[in-house]
Amino acid sequence: MSNGNTPPPGSYQQTSQNVVFTPDGGGGGTLTALCQKIDGSWVQSTLKYDVANCNGVLTYGGC
C-alpha cells in the first residue's frame, strides 16, 4: 500500500516531470504533472484520480 502521496504507476512517468499526487482524503485525489507532447514541448496537465470498489469490481471514477 502506498503512503498516500505516491503517484500511481503508469507509462506517463516516462514522459512526465514534476509529478505530484495530492490526496483528497476520500481515497482519490489529483494527479498533476508537466507532460511532454509529441512535438517535444511541455504542458501542465491535471487528472482527477478516483478508483472505487463497486460491489467487488474496481472501477475508475466512482460507482
PDB file of N, CA and C in Angstrom:
ATOM      1  N   MET A   1       0.845  -1.185   0.000  1.00  0.00           N
ATOM      2  CA  MET A   1       0.000   0.000   0.000  1.00  0.00           C
ATOM      3  C   MET A   1       0.883   1.238   0.000  1.00  0.00           C
ATOM      4  N   SER A   2       0.493   2.268  -0.738  1.00  0.00           N
ATOM      5  CA  SER A   2       1.295   3.484  -0.825  1.00  0.00           C
ATOM      6  C   SER A   2       1.081   4.354   0.406  1.00  0.00           C
ATOM      7  N   ASN A   3       1.925   5.367   0.517  1.00  0.00           N
ATOM      8  CA  ASN A   3       1.838   6.278   1.655  1.00  0.00           C
ATOM      9  C   ASN A   3       0.786   7.359   1.465  1.00  0.00           C
ATOM     10  N   GLY A   4       0.060   7.338   0.356  1.00  0.00           N
ATOM     11  CA  GLY A   4      -0.990   8.319   0.121  1.00  0.00           C
ATOM     12  C   GLY A   4      -0.553   9.470  -0.755  1.00  0.00           C
ATOM     13  N   ASN A   5       0.756   9.704  -0.871  1.00  0.00           N
ATOM     14  CA  ASN A   5       1.249  10.795  -1.710  1.00  0.00           C
ATOM     15  C   ASN A   5       2.057  10.283  -2.894  1.00  0.00           C
ATOM     16  N   THR A   6       2.244   8.980  -2.999  1.00  0.00           N
ATOM     17  CA  THR A   6       2.999   8.400  -4.092  1.00  0.00           C
ATOM     18  C   THR A   6       2.139   8.402  -5.353  1.00  0.00           C
ATOM     19  N   PRO A   7       2.648   8.966  -6.455  1.00  0.00           N
ATOM     20  CA  PRO A   7       1.863   8.942  -7.689  1.00  0.00           C
ATOM     21  C   PRO A   7       1.606   7.507  -8.144  1.00  0.00           C
ATOM     22  N   PRO A   8       0.433   7.243  -8.718  1.00  0.00           N
ATOM     23  CA  PRO A   8       0.143   5.902  -9.205  1.00  0.00           C
ATOM     24  C   PRO A   8       1.092   5.526 -10.343  1.00  0.00           C
ATOM     25  N   PRO A   9       1.438   4.244 -10.456  1.00  0.00           N
ATOM     26  CA  PRO A   9       2.337   3.831 -11.536  1.00  0.00           C
ATOM     27  C   PRO A   9       1.680   3.993 -12.898  1.00  0.00           C
ATOM     28  N   GLY A  10       2.493   4.080 -13.906  1.00  0.00           N
ATOM     29  CA  GLY A  10       1.968   4.171 -15.258  1.00  0.00           C
ATOM     30  C   GLY A  10       3.033   4.631 -16.231  1.00  0.00           C
ATOM     31  N   SER A  11       2.791   4.387 -17.506  1.00  0.00           N
ATOM     32  CA  SER A  11       3.757   4.758 -18.536  1.00  0.00           C
ATOM     33  C   SER A  11       3.919   6.274 -18.661  1.00  0.00           C
ATOM     34  N   TYR A  12       2.955   7.048 -18.182  1.00  0.00           N
ATOM     35  CA  TYR A  12       3.044   8.507 -18.235  1.00  0.00           C
ATOM     36  C   TYR A  12       4.328   9.012 -17.571  1.00  0.00           C
ATOM     37  N   GLN A  13       4.843   8.260 -16.598  1.00  0.00           N
ATOM     38  CA  GLN A  13       6.026   8.700 -15.852  1.00  0.00           C
ATOM     39  C   GLN A  13       7.265   8.766 -16.732  1.00  0.00           C
ATOM     40  N   GLN A  14       7.273   8.055 -17.857  1.00  0.00           N
ATOM     41  CA  GLN A  14       8.422   8.062 -18.765  1.00  0.00           C
ATOM     42  C   GLN A  14       8.566   9.392 -19.496  1.00  0.00           C
ATOM     43  N   THR A  15       7.466  10.116 -19.658  1.00  0.00           N
ATOM     44  CA  THR A  15       7.493  11.373 -20.410  1.00  0.00           C
ATOM     45  C   THR A  15       6.870  12.508 -19.615  1.00  0.00           C
ATOM     46  N   SER A  16       6.961  12.420 -18.286  1.00  0.00           N
ATOM     47  CA  SER A  16       6.407  13.466 -17.415  1.00  0.00           C
ATOM     48  C   SER A  16       7.430  13.873 -16.372  1.00  0.00           C
ATOM     49  N   GLN A  17       7.330  15.117 -15.949  1.00  0.00           N
ATOM     50  CA  GLN A  17       8.191  15.655 -14.906  1.00  0.00           C
ATOM     51  C   GLN A  17       7.327  16.301 -13.840  1.00  0.00           C
ATOM     52  N   ASN A  18       7.936  16.528 -12.681  1.00  0.00           N
ATOM     53  CA  ASN A  18       7.241  17.221 -11.582  1.00  0.00           C
ATOM     54  C   ASN A  18       5.893  16.580 -11.277  1.00  0.00           C
ATOM     55  N   VAL A  19       5.860  15.262 -11.242  1.00  0.00           N
ATOM     56  CA  VAL A  19       4.624  14.523 -10.983  1.00  0.00           C
ATOM     57  C   VAL A  19       4.282  14.632  -9.504  1.00  0.00           C
ATOM     58  N   VAL A  20       3.063  15.083  -9.213  1.00  0.00           N
ATOM     59  CA  VAL A  20       2.592  15.253  -7.839  1.00  0.00           C
ATOM     60  C   VAL A  20       1.209  14.638  -7.714  1.00  0.00           C
ATOM     61  N   PHE A  21       1.021  13.810  -6.682  1.00  0.00           N
ATOM     62  CA  PHE A  21      -0.302  13.277  -6.372  1.00  0.00           C
ATOM     63  C   PHE A  21      -0.758  13.906  -5.067  1.00  0.00           C
ATOM     64  N   THR A  22      -1.912  14.578  -5.096  1.00  0.00           N
ATOM     65  CA  THR A  22      -2.470  15.228  -3.918  1.00  0.00           C
ATOM     66  C   THR A  22      -3.737  14.487  -3.517  1.00  0.00           C
ATOM     67  N   PRO A  23      -3.705  13.730  -2.401  1.00  0.00           N
ATOM     68  CA  PRO A  23      -4.900  13.001  -1.958  1.00  0.00           C
ATOM     69  C   PRO A  23      -6.032  13.951  -1.599  1.00  0.00           C
ATOM     70  N   ASP A  24      -7.266  13.495  -1.810  1.00  0.00           N
ATOM     71  CA  ASP A  24      -8.426  14.314  -1.460  1.00  0.00           C
ATOM     72  C   ASP A  24      -9.041  13.907  -0.128  1.00  0.00           C
ATOM     73  N   GLY A  25      -8.455  12.904   0.541  1.00  0.00           N
ATOM     74  CA  GLY A  25      -8.966  12.463   1.830  1.00  0.00           C
ATOM     75  C   GLY A  25     -10.068  11.422   1.722  1.00  0.00           C
ATOM     76  N   GLY A  26     -10.538  11.151   0.510  1.00  0.00           N
ATOM     77  CA  GLY A  26     -11.609  10.185   0.335  1.00  0.00           C
ATOM     78  C   GLY A  26     -11.210   8.987  -0.505  1.00  0.00           C
ATOM     79  N   GLY A  27      -9.920   8.749  -0.667  1.00  0.00           N
ATOM     80  CA  GLY A  27      -9.444   7.617  -1.448  1.00  0.00           C
ATOM     81  C   GLY A  27      -9.007   7.981  -2.849  1.00  0.00           C
ATOM     82  N   GLY A  28      -9.331   9.155  -3.303  1.00  0.00           N
ATOM     83  CA  GLY A  28      -8.916   9.627  -4.628  1.00  0.00           C
ATOM     84  C   GLY A  28      -7.955  10.779  -4.483  1.00  0.00           C
ATOM     85  N   GLY A  29      -7.881  11.579  -5.504  1.00  0.00           N
ATOM     86  CA  GLY A  29      -7.009  12.738  -5.448  1.00  0.00           C
ATOM     87  C   GLY A  29      -6.813  13.344  -6.816  1.00  0.00           C
ATOM     88  N   THR A  30      -5.810  14.203  -6.898  1.00  0.00           N
ATOM     89  CA  THR A  30      -5.493  14.884  -8.141  1.00  0.00           C
ATOM     90  C   THR A  30      -4.048  14.577  -8.512  1.00  0.00           C
ATOM     91  N   LEU A  31      -3.852  14.168  -9.742  1.00  0.00           N
ATOM     92  CA  LEU A  31      -2.533  13.899 -10.284  1.00  0.00           C
ATOM     93  C   LEU A  31      -2.175  15.062 -11.198  1.00  0.00           C
ATOM     94  N   THR A  32      -1.061  15.714 -10.929  1.00  0.00           N
ATOM     95  CA  THR A  32      -0.608  16.854 -11.716  1.00  0.00           C
ATOM     96  C   THR A  32       0.806  16.582 -12.199  1.00  0.00           C
ATOM     97  N   ALA A  33       1.098  16.930 -13.446  1.00  0.00           N
ATOM     98  CA  ALA A  33       2.430  16.697 -13.997  1.00  0.00           C
ATOM     99  C   ALA A  33       2.686  17.636 -15.171  1.00  0.00           C
ATOM    100  N   LEU A  34       3.955  17.828 -15.450  1.00  0.00           N
ATOM    101  CA  LEU A  34       4.392  18.506 -16.651  1.00  0.00           C
ATOM    102  C   LEU A  34       4.635  17.406 -17.668  1.00  0.00           C
ATOM    103  N   CYS A  35       3.828  17.370 -18.740  1.00  0.00           N
ATOM    104  CA  CYS A  35       3.837  16.256 -19.688  1.00  0.00           C
ATOM    105  C   CYS A  35       4.395  16.690 -21.043  1.00  0.00           C
ATOM    106  N   GLN A  36       5.254  15.838 -21.611  1.00  0.00           N
ATOM    107  CA  GLN A  36       5.849  16.135 -22.901  1.00  0.00           C
ATOM    108  C   GLN A  36       4.902  15.752 -24.035  1.00  0.00           C
ATOM    109  N   LYS A  37       4.758  16.661 -24.989  1.00  0.00           N
ATOM    110  CA  LYS A  37       3.941  16.421 -26.171  1.00  0.00           C
ATOM    111  C   LYS A  37       4.802  15.795 -27.271  1.00  0.00           C
ATOM    112  N   ILE A  38       4.172  15.289 -28.311  1.00  0.00           N
ATOM    113  CA  ILE A  38       4.875  14.651 -29.424  1.00  0.00           C
ATOM    114  C   ILE A  38       5.895  15.594 -30.056  1.00  0.00           C
ATOM    115  N   ASP A  39       5.572  16.903 -30.126  1.00  0.00           N
ATOM    116  CA  ASP A  39       6.488  17.859 -30.756  1.00  0.00           C
ATOM    117  C   ASP A  39       7.663  18.245 -29.847  1.00  0.00           C
ATOM    118  N   GLY A  40       7.723  17.654 -28.638  1.00  0.00           N
ATOM    119  CA  GLY A  40       8.824  17.918 -27.712  1.00  0.00           C
ATOM    120  C   GLY A  40       8.554  19.016 -26.707  1.00  0.00           C
ATOM    121  N   SER A  41       7.490  19.769 -26.900  1.00  0.00           N
ATOM    122  CA  SER A  41       7.154  20.829 -25.943  1.00  0.00           C
ATOM    123  C   SER A  41       6.505  20.214 -24.697  1.00  0.00           C
ATOM    124  N   TRP A  42       6.370  21.021 -23.670  1.00  0.00           N
ATOM    125  CA  TRP A  42       5.835  20.554 -22.386  1.00  0.00           C
ATOM    126  C   TRP A  42       4.579  21.330 -22.033  1.00  0.00           C
ATOM    127  N   VAL A  43       3.623  20.638 -21.402  1.00  0.00           N
ATOM    128  CA  VAL A  43       2.363  21.263 -20.995  1.00  0.00           C
ATOM    129  C   VAL A  43       1.980  20.738 -19.608  1.00  0.00           C
ATOM    130  N   GLN A  44       1.437  21.624 -18.777  1.00  0.00           N
ATOM    131  CA  GLN A  44       0.942  21.229 -17.462  1.00  0.00           C
ATOM    132  C   GLN A  44      -0.379  20.494 -17.636  1.00  0.00           C
ATOM    133  N   SER A  45      -0.528  19.359 -16.954  1.00  0.00           N
ATOM    134  CA  SER A  45      -1.742  18.571 -17.089  1.00  0.00           C
ATOM    135  C   SER A  45      -2.211  18.099 -15.712  1.00  0.00           C
ATOM    136  N   THR A  46      -3.522  18.001 -15.540  1.00  0.00           N
ATOM    137  CA  THR A  46      -4.118  17.580 -14.271  1.00  0.00           C
ATOM    138  C   THR A  46      -5.196  16.541 -14.548  1.00  0.00           C
ATOM    139  N   LEU A  47      -5.230  15.513 -13.681  1.00  0.00           N
ATOM    140  CA  LEU A  47      -6.220  14.444 -13.816  1.00  0.00           C
ATOM    141  C   LEU A  47      -6.827  14.155 -12.454  1.00  0.00           C
ATOM    142  N   LYS A  48      -8.148  14.147 -12.376  1.00  0.00           N
ATOM    143  CA  LYS A  48      -8.848  13.713 -11.163  1.00  0.00           C
ATOM    144  C   LYS A  48      -8.734  12.206 -11.105  1.00  0.00           C
ATOM    145  N   TYR A  49      -8.186  11.688 -10.012  1.00  0.00           N
ATOM    146  CA  TYR A  49      -7.916  10.256  -9.874  1.00  0.00           C
ATOM    147  C   TYR A  49      -8.847   9.680  -8.824  1.00  0.00           C
ATOM    148  N   ASP A  50      -9.694   8.711  -9.234  1.00  0.00           N
ATOM    149  CA  ASP A  50     -10.644   8.111  -8.305  1.00  0.00           C
ATOM    150  C   ASP A  50     -10.931   6.675  -8.728  1.00  0.00           C
ATOM    151  N   VAL A  51     -10.380   5.723  -7.987  1.00  0.00           N
ATOM    152  CA  VAL A  51     -10.657   4.309  -8.223  1.00  0.00           C
ATOM    153  C   VAL A  51     -11.543   3.818  -7.087  1.00  0.00           C
ATOM    154  N   ALA A  52     -12.633   3.148  -7.425  1.00  0.00           N
ATOM    155  CA  ALA A  52     -13.604   2.719  -6.414  1.00  0.00           C
ATOM    156  C   ALA A  52     -13.858   1.215  -6.513  1.00  0.00           C
ATOM    157  N   ASN A  53     -14.290   0.633  -5.423  1.00  0.00           N
ATOM    158  CA  ASN A  53     -14.757  -0.750  -5.387  1.00  0.00           C
ATOM    159  C   ASN A  53     -16.280  -0.697  -5.443  1.00  0.00           C
ATOM    160  N   CYS A  54     -16.815  -1.102  -6.580  1.00  0.00           N
ATOM    161  CA  CYS A  54     -18.276  -1.109  -6.759  1.00  0.00           C
ATOM    162  C   CYS A  54     -18.767  -2.545  -6.723  1.00  0.00           C
ATOM    163  N   ASN A  55     -19.169  -2.969  -5.533  1.00  0.00           N
ATOM    164  CA  ASN A  55     -19.699  -4.311  -5.337  1.00  0.00           C
ATOM    165  C   ASN A  55     -18.709  -5.391  -5.818  1.00  0.00           C
ATOM    166  N   GLY A  56     -17.439  -5.208  -5.449  1.00  0.00           N
ATOM    167  CA  GLY A  56     -16.424  -6.190  -5.782  1.00  0.00           C
ATOM    168  C   GLY A  56     -15.732  -6.003  -7.111  1.00  0.00           C
ATOM    169  N   VAL A  57     -16.047  -4.912  -7.819  1.00  0.00           N
ATOM    170  CA  VAL A  57     -15.426  -4.633  -9.108  1.00  0.00           C
ATOM    171  C   VAL A  57     -14.736  -3.287  -9.034  1.00  0.00           C
ATOM    172  N   LEU A  58     -13.422  -3.261  -9.356  1.00  0.00           N
ATOM    173  CA  LEU A  58     -12.711  -1.987  -9.373  1.00  0.00           C
ATOM    174  C   LEU A  58     -13.153  -1.179 -10.588  1.00  0.00           C
ATOM    175  N   THR A  59     -13.466   0.084 -10.350  1.00  0.00           N
ATOM    176  CA  THR A  59     -13.892   0.975 -11.424  1.00  0.00           C
ATOM    177  C   THR A  59     -13.135   2.291 -11.298  1.00  0.00           C
ATOM    178  N   TYR A  60     -13.102   3.038 -12.367  1.00  0.00           N
ATOM    179  CA  TYR A  60     -12.483   4.359 -12.359  1.00  0.00           C
ATOM    180  C   TYR A  60     -13.586   5.402 -12.370  1.00  0.00           C
ATOM    181  N   GLY A  61     -13.504   6.350 -11.449  1.00  0.00           N
ATOM    182  CA  GLY A  61     -14.475   7.442 -11.430  1.00  0.00           C
ATOM    183  C   GLY A  61     -15.649   7.213 -10.508  1.00  0.00           C
ATOM    184  N   GLY A  62     -15.575   6.255  -9.629  1.00  0.00           N
ATOM    185  CA  GLY A  62     -16.656   6.008  -8.669  1.00  0.00           C
ATOM    186  C   GLY A  62     -17.683   5.025  -9.202  1.00  0.00           C
ATOM    187  N   CYS A  63     -18.671   4.729  -8.363  1.00  0.00           N
ATOM    188  CA  CYS A  63     -19.713   3.750  -8.729  1.00  0.00           C
ATOM    189  C   CYS A  63     -20.846   4.409  -9.481  1.00  0.00           C
TER     190      CYS A  63
END
